[in-house]
Amino acid sequence: MQAGNAIYETIADLPPVLPVFPLTGALLLPRTQLPLNIFEPRYIAMFDAALAGNRLIGMIQPELVAGGSAEDGEGLSRVGCVGRITSFQETGDGRYLVTLQGVTRFAVVREIGAVTSYRQVECDFAPFASDLSSGIGEDKVDRTALLNTLRAYLDANDLEADWTSVSEAETEILVNALCMMCPYGAQEKQALLEAPDLKTRAETLIAITEIDLARSQGGEGGTTLQ
Protein backbone atom coordinates (compact mmCIF):
# COMPACT_ATOMS: atom_id res chain seq x y z
CA MET A 1 0.00 0.00 0.00
CA GLN A 2 1.00 3.61 -0.44
CA ALA A 3 0.97 6.15 2.39
CA GLY A 4 2.11 9.58 1.34
CA ASN A 5 5.31 9.14 -0.66
CA ALA A 6 6.11 5.72 0.83
CA ILE A 7 5.08 2.30 -0.44
CA TYR A 8 4.80 -0.65 1.94
CA GLU A 9 4.55 -3.87 -0.04
CA THR A 10 5.25 -6.39 2.72
CA ILE A 11 5.73 -6.38 6.48
CA ALA A 12 9.48 -6.51 5.80
CA ASP A 13 9.16 -2.84 4.81
CA LEU A 14 8.18 -1.95 8.38
CA PRO A 15 10.51 -1.47 11.36
CA PRO A 16 10.46 -4.02 14.20
CA VAL A 17 10.34 -1.26 16.83
CA LEU A 18 7.94 1.69 16.86
CA PRO A 19 7.47 4.75 19.04
CA VAL A 20 3.90 4.69 20.31
CA PHE A 21 1.37 7.35 21.14
CA PRO A 22 -1.03 5.98 23.78
CA LEU A 23 -4.34 7.80 23.45
CA THR A 24 -7.62 6.62 24.93
CA GLY A 25 -10.50 6.54 22.46
CA ALA A 26 -8.30 7.09 19.41
CA LEU A 27 -8.77 4.74 16.47
CA LEU A 28 -6.58 4.53 13.38
CA LEU A 29 -7.26 1.94 10.68
CA PRO A 30 -5.43 1.11 7.44
CA ARG A 31 -5.96 3.62 4.62
CA THR A 32 -7.73 6.13 6.86
CA GLN A 33 -6.45 9.46 8.16
CA LEU A 34 -6.27 10.67 11.75
CA PRO A 35 -5.66 14.34 12.62
CA LEU A 36 -3.72 14.98 15.84
CA ASN A 37 -2.88 18.03 17.92
CA ILE A 38 0.53 17.34 19.50
CA PHE A 39 1.54 19.53 22.43
CA GLU A 40 3.13 17.45 25.22
CA PRO A 41 6.95 17.81 25.18
CA ARG A 42 7.59 14.03 25.07
CA TYR A 43 5.31 13.62 22.06
CA ILE A 44 6.78 16.68 20.36
CA ALA A 45 10.13 14.88 20.77
CA MET A 46 8.63 11.69 19.38
CA PHE A 47 7.28 13.41 16.28
CA ASP A 48 10.55 15.29 15.79
CA ALA A 49 12.36 11.93 15.76
CA ALA A 50 9.80 10.38 13.43
CA LEU A 51 10.01 13.29 11.00
CA ALA A 52 13.78 12.92 10.95
CA GLY A 53 13.45 9.17 10.33
CA ASN A 54 10.82 6.90 8.78
CA ARG A 55 7.81 9.05 9.72
CA LEU A 56 6.05 6.10 11.38
CA ILE A 57 4.17 6.29 14.68
CA GLY A 58 2.21 3.56 16.44
CA MET A 59 -1.22 4.66 17.64
CA ILE A 60 -2.43 2.56 20.55
CA GLN A 61 -4.80 2.80 23.46
CA PRO A 62 -3.68 2.44 27.06
CA GLU A 63 -4.56 -0.96 28.47
CA LEU A 64 -8.31 -1.25 28.96
CA VAL A 65 -9.35 -2.19 32.46
CA ALA A 66 -12.69 -2.68 34.18
CA GLY A 67 -14.50 0.60 34.52
CA GLY A 68 -12.28 2.54 32.12
CA SER A 69 -8.73 2.64 30.85
CA ALA A 70 -5.35 2.70 32.53
CA GLU A 71 -3.53 5.98 32.83
CA ASP A 72 -0.74 6.59 30.37
CA GLY A 73 2.40 5.18 31.96
CA GLU A 74 0.82 1.83 32.73
CA GLY A 75 -0.03 -0.99 30.35
CA LEU A 76 -0.80 -0.80 26.65
CA SER A 77 -3.51 -2.53 24.65
CA ARG A 78 -2.36 -5.60 22.79
CA VAL A 79 -3.06 -4.24 19.28
CA GLY A 80 -2.40 -0.86 17.70
CA CYS A 81 -2.06 0.61 14.20
CA VAL A 82 1.00 2.16 12.65
CA GLY A 83 0.50 5.42 10.82
CA ARG A 84 2.75 7.46 8.57
CA ILE A 85 2.99 11.21 9.02
CA THR A 86 1.69 12.50 5.68
CA SER A 87 1.35 16.15 6.65
CA PHE A 88 2.22 18.40 9.55
CA GLN A 89 2.10 22.06 10.48
CA GLU A 90 4.01 23.96 13.13
CA THR A 91 1.64 26.29 14.96
CA GLY A 92 4.24 28.74 16.27
CA ASP A 93 3.27 28.09 19.89
CA GLY A 94 5.11 24.79 20.30
CA ARG A 95 2.48 22.46 18.85
CA TYR A 96 2.24 20.23 15.79
CA LEU A 97 -0.94 19.70 13.80
CA VAL A 98 -0.34 16.29 12.25
CA THR A 99 -2.15 13.91 9.92
CA LEU A 100 -1.40 10.20 10.16
CA GLN A 101 -2.37 7.77 7.42
CA GLY A 102 -3.01 4.26 8.67
CA VAL A 103 -0.70 1.58 7.23
CA THR A 104 -1.30 -1.67 9.11
CA ARG A 105 -2.16 -2.98 12.54
CA PHE A 106 0.43 -4.55 14.81
CA ALA A 107 0.53 -6.72 17.91
CA VAL A 108 2.66 -5.61 20.82
CA VAL A 109 5.38 -8.16 21.56
CA ARG A 110 6.89 -6.22 24.43
CA GLU A 111 7.61 -2.70 25.51
CA ILE A 112 11.20 -1.57 25.07
CA GLY A 113 13.04 -0.02 28.00
CA ALA A 114 13.73 3.08 25.95
CA VAL A 115 16.01 5.93 26.98
CA THR A 116 13.68 8.32 25.18
CA SER A 117 10.98 10.28 26.98
CA TYR A 118 8.36 8.54 24.83
CA ARG A 119 7.47 4.85 24.81
CA GLN A 120 8.57 2.29 22.23
CA VAL A 121 7.41 -1.25 21.52
CA GLU A 122 8.59 -4.29 19.62
CA CYS A 123 5.95 -5.11 17.01
CA ASP A 124 4.60 -8.20 15.29
CA PHE A 125 2.98 -7.29 11.98
CA ALA A 126 2.57 -10.87 10.73
CA PRO A 127 -1.03 -11.40 11.97
CA PHE A 128 -2.11 -8.34 9.99
CA ALA A 129 -0.09 -8.72 6.78
CA SER A 130 -3.30 -8.58 4.72
CA ASP A 131 -3.81 -4.96 5.87
CA LEU A 132 -1.22 -3.94 3.28
CA SER A 133 -3.49 -5.08 0.43
CA SER A 134 -6.54 -2.94 -0.30
CA GLY A 135 -10.04 -4.29 -0.80
CA ILE A 136 -9.58 -7.69 0.85
CA GLY A 137 -12.93 -9.00 2.10
CA GLU A 138 -15.06 -6.26 0.57
CA ASP A 139 -17.25 -8.81 -1.22
CA LYS A 140 -18.16 -10.44 2.10
CA VAL A 141 -19.44 -7.26 3.77
CA ASP A 142 -23.22 -6.85 3.98
CA ARG A 143 -23.12 -3.31 2.67
CA THR A 144 -26.92 -3.00 2.65
CA ALA A 145 -27.15 -3.87 6.35
CA LEU A 146 -24.35 -1.41 7.11
CA LEU A 147 -26.05 1.43 5.26
CA ASN A 148 -29.43 0.64 6.82
CA THR A 149 -27.86 0.79 10.28
CA LEU A 150 -26.12 4.06 9.43
CA ARG A 151 -29.40 5.54 8.22
CA ALA A 152 -31.20 4.43 11.40
CA TYR A 153 -28.49 5.98 13.56
CA LEU A 154 -28.57 9.27 11.66
CA ASP A 155 -32.37 9.42 11.79
CA ALA A 156 -32.39 8.70 15.54
CA ASN A 157 -29.92 11.52 16.15
CA ASP A 158 -31.36 14.03 13.64
CA LEU A 159 -28.20 13.94 11.56
CA GLU A 160 -27.67 14.02 7.82
CA ALA A 161 -25.15 12.44 5.46
CA ASP A 162 -23.96 13.03 1.93
CA TRP A 163 -25.54 9.86 0.58
CA THR A 164 -24.06 10.35 -2.88
CA SER A 165 -20.54 10.21 -1.43
CA VAL A 166 -21.49 7.33 0.85
CA SER A 167 -22.92 5.27 -2.02
CA GLU A 168 -19.83 5.90 -4.16
CA ALA A 169 -17.28 5.06 -1.45
CA GLU A 170 -15.37 1.81 -1.68
CA THR A 171 -16.62 -0.68 0.88
CA GLU A 172 -13.33 -0.90 2.79
CA ILE A 173 -13.04 2.89 3.01
CA LEU A 174 -16.68 3.15 4.06
CA VAL A 175 -16.41 0.57 6.84
CA ASN A 176 -13.15 1.94 8.24
CA ALA A 177 -14.25 5.57 8.03
CA LEU A 178 -17.52 4.84 9.83
CA CYS A 179 -15.62 2.96 12.54
CA MET A 180 -13.31 5.93 13.08
CA MET A 181 -16.17 8.43 13.15
CA CYS A 182 -18.45 6.46 15.46
CA PRO A 183 -18.92 8.16 18.86
CA TYR A 184 -18.37 5.05 20.95
CA GLY A 185 -16.06 4.30 23.85
CA ALA A 186 -12.57 2.89 24.18
CA GLN A 187 -13.68 -0.73 24.46
CA GLU A 188 -15.82 -0.47 21.33
CA LYS A 189 -12.99 1.23 19.40
CA GLN A 190 -10.56 -1.53 20.43
CA ALA A 191 -13.02 -4.24 19.36
CA LEU A 192 -13.32 -2.60 15.94
CA LEU A 193 -9.54 -2.38 15.64
CA GLU A 194 -9.01 -6.02 16.60
CA ALA A 195 -11.71 -7.43 14.31
CA PRO A 196 -9.93 -10.11 12.27
CA ASP A 197 -11.31 -9.05 8.89
CA LEU A 198 -13.42 -6.40 7.19
CA LYS A 199 -16.61 -8.45 7.38
CA THR A 200 -16.26 -8.93 11.14
CA ARG A 201 -15.44 -5.24 11.62
CA ALA A 202 -18.60 -4.23 9.75
CA GLU A 203 -20.69 -6.72 11.72
CA THR A 204 -19.20 -5.47 14.99
CA LEU A 205 -20.00 -1.87 14.09
CA ILE A 206 -23.57 -2.83 13.17
CA ALA A 207 -24.01 -4.72 16.45
CA ILE A 208 -22.63 -1.87 18.57
CA THR A 209 -24.84 0.65 16.78
CA GLU A 210 -27.95 -1.49 17.15
CA ILE A 211 -27.28 -1.85 20.89
CA ASP A 212 -26.84 1.90 21.16
CA LEU A 213 -30.07 2.55 19.26
CA ALA A 214 -32.01 0.07 21.39
CA ARG A 215 -30.75 1.66 24.59
CA SER A 216 -31.51 5.15 23.35
CA GLN A 217 -35.03 4.19 22.40
CA GLY A 218 -35.43 2.51 25.79
CA GLY A 219 -34.23 5.63 27.58
CA GLU A 220 -30.89 4.18 28.68
CA GLY A 221 -27.66 6.02 27.90
CA GLY A 222 -24.21 4.75 27.05
CA THR A 223 -22.81 1.90 25.06
CA THR A 224 -20.58 -0.75 26.58
CA LEU A 225 -19.27 -3.83 24.84
CA GLN A 226 -19.45 -6.82 27.14
C-alpha atoms as a PDB file:
ATOM      1  CA  MET A   1       0.000   0.000   0.000  1.00  0.00           C
ATOM      2  CA  GLN A   2       0.998   3.613  -0.438  1.00  0.00           C
ATOM      3  CA  ALA A   3       0.971   6.149   2.389  1.00  0.00           C
ATOM      4  CA  GLY A   4       2.111   9.583   1.343  1.00  0.00           C
ATOM      5  CA  ASN A   5       5.313   9.140  -0.656  1.00  0.00           C
ATOM      6  CA  ALA A   6       6.114   5.722   0.832  1.00  0.00           C
ATOM      7  CA  ILE A   7       5.078   2.297  -0.440  1.00  0.00           C
ATOM      8  CA  TYR A   8       4.797  -0.652   1.944  1.00  0.00           C
ATOM      9  CA  GLU A   9       4.552  -3.869  -0.040  1.00  0.00           C
ATOM     10  CA  THR A  10       5.247  -6.394   2.717  1.00  0.00           C
ATOM     11  CA  ILE A  11       5.729  -6.376   6.476  1.00  0.00           C
ATOM     12  CA  ALA A  12       9.480  -6.510   5.802  1.00  0.00           C
ATOM     13  CA  ASP A  13       9.165  -2.842   4.810  1.00  0.00           C
ATOM     14  CA  LEU A  14       8.176  -1.950   8.381  1.00  0.00           C
ATOM     15  CA  PRO A  15      10.514  -1.467  11.359  1.00  0.00           C
ATOM     16  CA  PRO A  16      10.460  -4.020  14.200  1.00  0.00           C
ATOM     17  CA  VAL A  17      10.341  -1.263  16.829  1.00  0.00           C
ATOM     18  CA  LEU A  18       7.945   1.689  16.860  1.00  0.00           C
ATOM     19  CA  PRO A  19       7.471   4.749  19.043  1.00  0.00           C
ATOM     20  CA  VAL A  20       3.901   4.685  20.305  1.00  0.00           C
ATOM     21  CA  PHE A  21       1.374   7.354  21.135  1.00  0.00           C
ATOM     22  CA  PRO A  22      -1.030   5.977  23.785  1.00  0.00           C
ATOM     23  CA  LEU A  23      -4.339   7.801  23.445  1.00  0.00           C
ATOM     24  CA  THR A  24      -7.618   6.624  24.930  1.00  0.00           C
ATOM     25  CA  GLY A  25     -10.496   6.539  22.463  1.00  0.00           C
ATOM     26  CA  ALA A  26      -8.296   7.092  19.407  1.00  0.00           C
ATOM     27  CA  LEU A  27      -8.774   4.739  16.472  1.00  0.00           C
ATOM     28  CA  LEU A  28      -6.576   4.528  13.380  1.00  0.00           C
ATOM     29  CA  LEU A  29      -7.256   1.943  10.682  1.00  0.00           C
ATOM     30  CA  PRO A  30      -5.425   1.113   7.437  1.00  0.00           C
ATOM     31  CA  ARG A  31      -5.960   3.620   4.618  1.00  0.00           C
ATOM     32  CA  THR A  32      -7.728   6.133   6.861  1.00  0.00           C
ATOM     33  CA  GLN A  33      -6.454   9.462   8.160  1.00  0.00           C
ATOM     34  CA  LEU A  34      -6.273  10.668  11.745  1.00  0.00           C
ATOM     35  CA  PRO A  35      -5.661  14.340  12.623  1.00  0.00           C
ATOM     36  CA  LEU A  36      -3.721  14.980  15.837  1.00  0.00           C
ATOM     37  CA  ASN A  37      -2.879  18.030  17.918  1.00  0.00           C
ATOM     38  CA  ILE A  38       0.525  17.343  19.500  1.00  0.00           C
ATOM     39  CA  PHE A  39       1.540  19.525  22.432  1.00  0.00           C
ATOM     40  CA  GLU A  40       3.129  17.445  25.218  1.00  0.00           C
ATOM     41  CA  PRO A  41       6.946  17.807  25.179  1.00  0.00           C
ATOM     42  CA  ARG A  42       7.590  14.030  25.067  1.00  0.00           C
ATOM     43  CA  TYR A  43       5.309  13.624  22.055  1.00  0.00           C
ATOM     44  CA  ILE A  44       6.782  16.681  20.358  1.00  0.00           C
ATOM     45  CA  ALA A  45      10.131  14.879  20.768  1.00  0.00           C
ATOM     46  CA  MET A  46       8.631  11.686  19.382  1.00  0.00           C
ATOM     47  CA  PHE A  47       7.275  13.406  16.281  1.00  0.00           C
ATOM     48  CA  ASP A  48      10.547  15.288  15.787  1.00  0.00           C
ATOM     49  CA  ALA A  49      12.357  11.931  15.761  1.00  0.00           C
ATOM     50  CA  ALA A  50       9.799  10.379  13.430  1.00  0.00           C
ATOM     51  CA  LEU A  51      10.009  13.287  11.002  1.00  0.00           C
ATOM     52  CA  ALA A  52      13.785  12.918  10.946  1.00  0.00           C
ATOM     53  CA  GLY A  53      13.448   9.168  10.328  1.00  0.00           C
ATOM     54  CA  ASN A  54      10.823   6.898   8.779  1.00  0.00           C
ATOM     55  CA  ARG A  55       7.806   9.053   9.725  1.00  0.00           C
ATOM     56  CA  LEU A  56       6.050   6.096  11.376  1.00  0.00           C
ATOM     57  CA  ILE A  57       4.166   6.295  14.680  1.00  0.00           C
ATOM     58  CA  GLY A  58       2.213   3.560  16.435  1.00  0.00           C
ATOM     59  CA  MET A  59      -1.219   4.661  17.636  1.00  0.00           C
ATOM     60  CA  ILE A  60      -2.427   2.557  20.548  1.00  0.00           C
ATOM     61  CA  GLN A  61      -4.798   2.796  23.460  1.00  0.00           C
ATOM     62  CA  PRO A  62      -3.678   2.440  27.060  1.00  0.00           C
ATOM     63  CA  GLU A  63      -4.555  -0.957  28.472  1.00  0.00           C
ATOM     64  CA  LEU A  64      -8.314  -1.247  28.957  1.00  0.00           C
ATOM     65  CA  VAL A  65      -9.353  -2.193  32.462  1.00  0.00           C
ATOM     66  CA  ALA A  66     -12.690  -2.683  34.182  1.00  0.00           C
ATOM     67  CA  GLY A  67     -14.499   0.600  34.522  1.00  0.00           C
ATOM     68  CA  GLY A  68     -12.283   2.537  32.118  1.00  0.00           C
ATOM     69  CA  SER A  69      -8.727   2.635  30.853  1.00  0.00           C
ATOM     70  CA  ALA A  70      -5.353   2.702  32.532  1.00  0.00           C
ATOM     71  CA  GLU A  71      -3.534   5.981  32.828  1.00  0.00           C
ATOM     72  CA  ASP A  72      -0.738   6.592  30.372  1.00  0.00           C
ATOM     73  CA  GLY A  73       2.404   5.178  31.961  1.00  0.00           C
ATOM     74  CA  GLU A  74       0.816   1.829  32.732  1.00  0.00           C
ATOM     75  CA  GLY A  75      -0.028  -0.985  30.346  1.00  0.00           C
ATOM     76  CA  LEU A  76      -0.800  -0.803  26.646  1.00  0.00           C
ATOM     77  CA  SER A  77      -3.511  -2.531  24.653  1.00  0.00           C
ATOM     78  CA  ARG A  78      -2.360  -5.604  22.787  1.00  0.00           C
ATOM     79  CA  VAL A  79      -3.057  -4.238  19.282  1.00  0.00           C
ATOM     80  CA  GLY A  80      -2.401  -0.860  17.695  1.00  0.00           C
ATOM     81  CA  CYS A  81      -2.060   0.607  14.205  1.00  0.00           C
ATOM     82  CA  VAL A  82       1.003   2.160  12.655  1.00  0.00           C
ATOM     83  CA  GLY A  83       0.500   5.424  10.818  1.00  0.00           C
ATOM     84  CA  ARG A  84       2.746   7.456   8.567  1.00  0.00           C
ATOM     85  CA  ILE A  85       2.987  11.209   9.023  1.00  0.00           C
ATOM     86  CA  THR A  86       1.692  12.500   5.684  1.00  0.00           C
ATOM     87  CA  SER A  87       1.351  16.149   6.651  1.00  0.00           C
ATOM     88  CA  PHE A  88       2.224  18.403   9.546  1.00  0.00           C
ATOM     89  CA  GLN A  89       2.099  22.062  10.484  1.00  0.00           C
ATOM     90  CA  GLU A  90       4.006  23.956  13.135  1.00  0.00           C
ATOM     91  CA  THR A  91       1.643  26.287  14.961  1.00  0.00           C
ATOM     92  CA  GLY A  92       4.243  28.740  16.274  1.00  0.00           C
ATOM     93  CA  ASP A  93       3.272  28.088  19.887  1.00  0.00           C
ATOM     94  CA  GLY A  94       5.110  24.787  20.302  1.00  0.00           C
ATOM     95  CA  ARG A  95       2.480  22.457  18.852  1.00  0.00           C
ATOM     96  CA  TYR A  96       2.235  20.228  15.791  1.00  0.00           C
ATOM     97  CA  LEU A  97      -0.937  19.701  13.799  1.00  0.00           C
ATOM     98  CA  VAL A  98      -0.342  16.293  12.251  1.00  0.00           C
ATOM     99  CA  THR A  99      -2.155  13.913   9.925  1.00  0.00           C
ATOM    100  CA  LEU A 100      -1.404  10.201  10.158  1.00  0.00           C
ATOM    101  CA  GLN A 101      -2.371   7.769   7.416  1.00  0.00           C
ATOM    102  CA  GLY A 102      -3.008   4.255   8.665  1.00  0.00           C
ATOM    103  CA  VAL A 103      -0.698   1.582   7.232  1.00  0.00           C
ATOM    104  CA  THR A 104      -1.298  -1.674   9.115  1.00  0.00           C
ATOM    105  CA  ARG A 105      -2.156  -2.981  12.545  1.00  0.00           C
ATOM    106  CA  PHE A 106       0.432  -4.548  14.812  1.00  0.00           C
ATOM    107  CA  ALA A 107       0.527  -6.722  17.909  1.00  0.00           C
ATOM    108  CA  VAL A 108       2.665  -5.605  20.821  1.00  0.00           C
ATOM    109  CA  VAL A 109       5.380  -8.162  21.560  1.00  0.00           C
ATOM    110  CA  ARG A 110       6.891  -6.222  24.429  1.00  0.00           C
ATOM    111  CA  GLU A 111       7.611  -2.696  25.510  1.00  0.00           C
ATOM    112  CA  ILE A 112      11.204  -1.575  25.068  1.00  0.00           C
ATOM    113  CA  GLY A 113      13.037  -0.019  27.996  1.00  0.00           C
ATOM    114  CA  ALA A 114      13.732   3.078  25.952  1.00  0.00           C
ATOM    115  CA  VAL A 115      16.013   5.928  26.983  1.00  0.00           C
ATOM    116  CA  THR A 116      13.684   8.319  25.182  1.00  0.00           C
ATOM    117  CA  SER A 117      10.981  10.278  26.981  1.00  0.00           C
ATOM    118  CA  TYR A 118       8.358   8.537  24.828  1.00  0.00           C
ATOM    119  CA  ARG A 119       7.470   4.852  24.814  1.00  0.00           C
ATOM    120  CA  GLN A 120       8.567   2.286  22.233  1.00  0.00           C
ATOM    121  CA  VAL A 121       7.411  -1.252  21.523  1.00  0.00           C
ATOM    122  CA  GLU A 122       8.594  -4.288  19.620  1.00  0.00           C
ATOM    123  CA  CYS A 123       5.948  -5.107  17.009  1.00  0.00           C
ATOM    124  CA  ASP A 124       4.602  -8.196  15.292  1.00  0.00           C
ATOM    125  CA  PHE A 125       2.983  -7.294  11.976  1.00  0.00           C
ATOM    126  CA  ALA A 126       2.569 -10.874  10.732  1.00  0.00           C
ATOM    127  CA  PRO A 127      -1.029 -11.397  11.970  1.00  0.00           C
ATOM    128  CA  PHE A 128      -2.106  -8.345   9.991  1.00  0.00           C
ATOM    129  CA  ALA A 129      -0.090  -8.717   6.783  1.00  0.00           C
ATOM    130  CA  SER A 130      -3.299  -8.580   4.720  1.00  0.00           C
ATOM    131  CA  ASP A 131      -3.812  -4.958   5.870  1.00  0.00           C
ATOM    132  CA  LEU A 132      -1.222  -3.941   3.283  1.00  0.00           C
ATOM    133  CA  SER A 133      -3.488  -5.078   0.430  1.00  0.00           C
ATOM    134  CA  SER A 134      -6.535  -2.940  -0.302  1.00  0.00           C
ATOM    135  CA  GLY A 135     -10.037  -4.294  -0.800  1.00  0.00           C
ATOM    136  CA  ILE A 136      -9.578  -7.687   0.845  1.00  0.00           C
ATOM    137  CA  GLY A 137     -12.925  -9.002   2.102  1.00  0.00           C
ATOM    138  CA  GLU A 138     -15.059  -6.264   0.568  1.00  0.00           C
ATOM    139  CA  ASP A 139     -17.247  -8.808  -1.218  1.00  0.00           C
ATOM    140  CA  LYS A 140     -18.161 -10.443   2.104  1.00  0.00           C
ATOM    141  CA  VAL A 141     -19.438  -7.260   3.771  1.00  0.00           C
ATOM    142  CA  ASP A 142     -23.218  -6.847   3.984  1.00  0.00           C
ATOM    143  CA  ARG A 143     -23.121  -3.311   2.669  1.00  0.00           C
ATOM    144  CA  THR A 144     -26.916  -3.000   2.649  1.00  0.00           C
ATOM    145  CA  ALA A 145     -27.155  -3.868   6.348  1.00  0.00           C
ATOM    146  CA  LEU A 146     -24.349  -1.414   7.113  1.00  0.00           C
ATOM    147  CA  LEU A 147     -26.050   1.433   5.259  1.00  0.00           C
ATOM    148  CA  ASN A 148     -29.426   0.642   6.817  1.00  0.00           C
ATOM    149  CA  THR A 149     -27.860   0.793  10.281  1.00  0.00           C
ATOM    150  CA  LEU A 150     -26.124   4.060   9.434  1.00  0.00           C
ATOM    151  CA  ARG A 151     -29.399   5.536   8.225  1.00  0.00           C
ATOM    152  CA  ALA A 152     -31.203   4.429  11.405  1.00  0.00           C
ATOM    153  CA  TYR A 153     -28.486   5.984  13.557  1.00  0.00           C
ATOM    154  CA  LEU A 154     -28.574   9.269  11.656  1.00  0.00           C
ATOM    155  CA  ASP A 155     -32.369   9.422  11.793  1.00  0.00           C
ATOM    156  CA  ALA A 156     -32.390   8.703  15.543  1.00  0.00           C
ATOM    157  CA  ASN A 157     -29.917  11.519  16.153  1.00  0.00           C
ATOM    158  CA  ASP A 158     -31.362  14.031  13.640  1.00  0.00           C
ATOM    159  CA  LEU A 159     -28.196  13.935  11.561  1.00  0.00           C
ATOM    160  CA  GLU A 160     -27.666  14.024   7.820  1.00  0.00           C
ATOM    161  CA  ALA A 161     -25.153  12.443   5.459  1.00  0.00           C
ATOM    162  CA  ASP A 162     -23.962  13.026   1.935  1.00  0.00           C
ATOM    163  CA  TRP A 163     -25.541   9.864   0.576  1.00  0.00           C
ATOM    164  CA  THR A 164     -24.061  10.353  -2.883  1.00  0.00           C
ATOM    165  CA  SER A 165     -20.540  10.212  -1.429  1.00  0.00           C
ATOM    166  CA  VAL A 166     -21.490   7.331   0.850  1.00  0.00           C
ATOM    167  CA  SER A 167     -22.916   5.274  -2.023  1.00  0.00           C
ATOM    168  CA  GLU A 168     -19.827   5.904  -4.157  1.00  0.00           C
ATOM    169  CA  ALA A 169     -17.281   5.057  -1.448  1.00  0.00           C
ATOM    170  CA  GLU A 170     -15.367   1.814  -1.678  1.00  0.00           C
ATOM    171  CA  THR A 171     -16.624  -0.681   0.877  1.00  0.00           C
ATOM    172  CA  GLU A 172     -13.329  -0.896   2.786  1.00  0.00           C
ATOM    173  CA  ILE A 173     -13.036   2.888   3.011  1.00  0.00           C
ATOM    174  CA  LEU A 174     -16.684   3.151   4.063  1.00  0.00           C
ATOM    175  CA  VAL A 175     -16.407   0.572   6.838  1.00  0.00           C
ATOM    176  CA  ASN A 176     -13.153   1.936   8.245  1.00  0.00           C
ATOM    177  CA  ALA A 177     -14.246   5.571   8.025  1.00  0.00           C
ATOM    178  CA  LEU A 178     -17.519   4.840   9.826  1.00  0.00           C
ATOM    179  CA  CYS A 179     -15.624   2.962  12.540  1.00  0.00           C
ATOM    180  CA  MET A 180     -13.314   5.930  13.082  1.00  0.00           C
ATOM    181  CA  MET A 181     -16.167   8.431  13.146  1.00  0.00           C
ATOM    182  CA  CYS A 182     -18.453   6.463  15.456  1.00  0.00           C
ATOM    183  CA  PRO A 183     -18.924   8.156  18.857  1.00  0.00           C
ATOM    184  CA  TYR A 184     -18.370   5.048  20.955  1.00  0.00           C
ATOM    185  CA  GLY A 185     -16.056   4.304  23.850  1.00  0.00           C
ATOM    186  CA  ALA A 186     -12.572   2.892  24.183  1.00  0.00           C
ATOM    187  CA  GLN A 187     -13.682  -0.732  24.459  1.00  0.00           C
ATOM    188  CA  GLU A 188     -15.815  -0.470  21.326  1.00  0.00           C
ATOM    189  CA  LYS A 189     -12.993   1.227  19.405  1.00  0.00           C
ATOM    190  CA  GLN A 190     -10.561  -1.533  20.430  1.00  0.00           C
ATOM    191  CA  ALA A 191     -13.015  -4.235  19.364  1.00  0.00           C
ATOM    192  CA  LEU A 192     -13.324  -2.597  15.941  1.00  0.00           C
ATOM    193  CA  LEU A 193      -9.537  -2.383  15.645  1.00  0.00           C
ATOM    194  CA  GLU A 194      -9.006  -6.023  16.600  1.00  0.00           C
ATOM    195  CA  ALA A 195     -11.714  -7.425  14.314  1.00  0.00           C
ATOM    196  CA  PRO A 196      -9.927 -10.107  12.273  1.00  0.00           C
ATOM    197  CA  ASP A 197     -11.314  -9.046   8.889  1.00  0.00           C
ATOM    198  CA  LEU A 198     -13.420  -6.396   7.193  1.00  0.00           C
ATOM    199  CA  LYS A 199     -16.614  -8.447   7.378  1.00  0.00           C
ATOM    200  CA  THR A 200     -16.257  -8.925  11.139  1.00  0.00           C
ATOM    201  CA  ARG A 201     -15.437  -5.245  11.616  1.00  0.00           C
ATOM    202  CA  ALA A 202     -18.596  -4.227   9.752  1.00  0.00           C
ATOM    203  CA  GLU A 203     -20.690  -6.724  11.716  1.00  0.00           C
ATOM    204  CA  THR A 204     -19.201  -5.469  14.988  1.00  0.00           C
ATOM    205  CA  LEU A 205     -20.003  -1.866  14.085  1.00  0.00           C
ATOM    206  CA  ILE A 206     -23.572  -2.833  13.171  1.00  0.00           C
ATOM    207  CA  ALA A 207     -24.012  -4.719  16.454  1.00  0.00           C
ATOM    208  CA  ILE A 208     -22.627  -1.866  18.570  1.00  0.00           C
ATOM    209  CA  THR A 209     -24.836   0.651  16.782  1.00  0.00           C
ATOM    210  CA  GLU A 210     -27.951  -1.492  17.148  1.00  0.00           C
ATOM    211  CA  ILE A 211     -27.279  -1.845  20.887  1.00  0.00           C
ATOM    212  CA  ASP A 212     -26.840   1.904  21.164  1.00  0.00           C
ATOM    213  CA  LEU A 213     -30.073   2.552  19.262  1.00  0.00           C
ATOM    214  CA  ALA A 214     -32.009   0.069  21.394  1.00  0.00           C
ATOM    215  CA  ARG A 215     -30.746   1.657  24.593  1.00  0.00           C
ATOM    216  CA  SER A 216     -31.506   5.147  23.355  1.00  0.00           C
ATOM    217  CA  GLN A 217     -35.030   4.187  22.398  1.00  0.00           C
ATOM    218  CA  GLY A 218     -35.430   2.514  25.791  1.00  0.00           C
ATOM    219  CA  GLY A 219     -34.230   5.631  27.585  1.00  0.00           C
ATOM    220  CA  GLU A 220     -30.886   4.182  28.676  1.00  0.00           C
ATOM    221  CA  GLY A 221     -27.663   6.021  27.896  1.00  0.00           C
ATOM    222  CA  GLY A 222     -24.214   4.751  27.048  1.00  0.00           C
ATOM    223  CA  THR A 223     -22.807   1.901  25.065  1.00  0.00           C
ATOM    224  CA  THR A 224     -20.582  -0.750  26.577  1.00  0.00           C
ATOM    225  CA  LEU A 225     -19.266  -3.828  24.842  1.00  0.00           C
ATOM    226  CA  GLN A 226     -19.449  -6.821  27.136  1.00  0.00           C
END
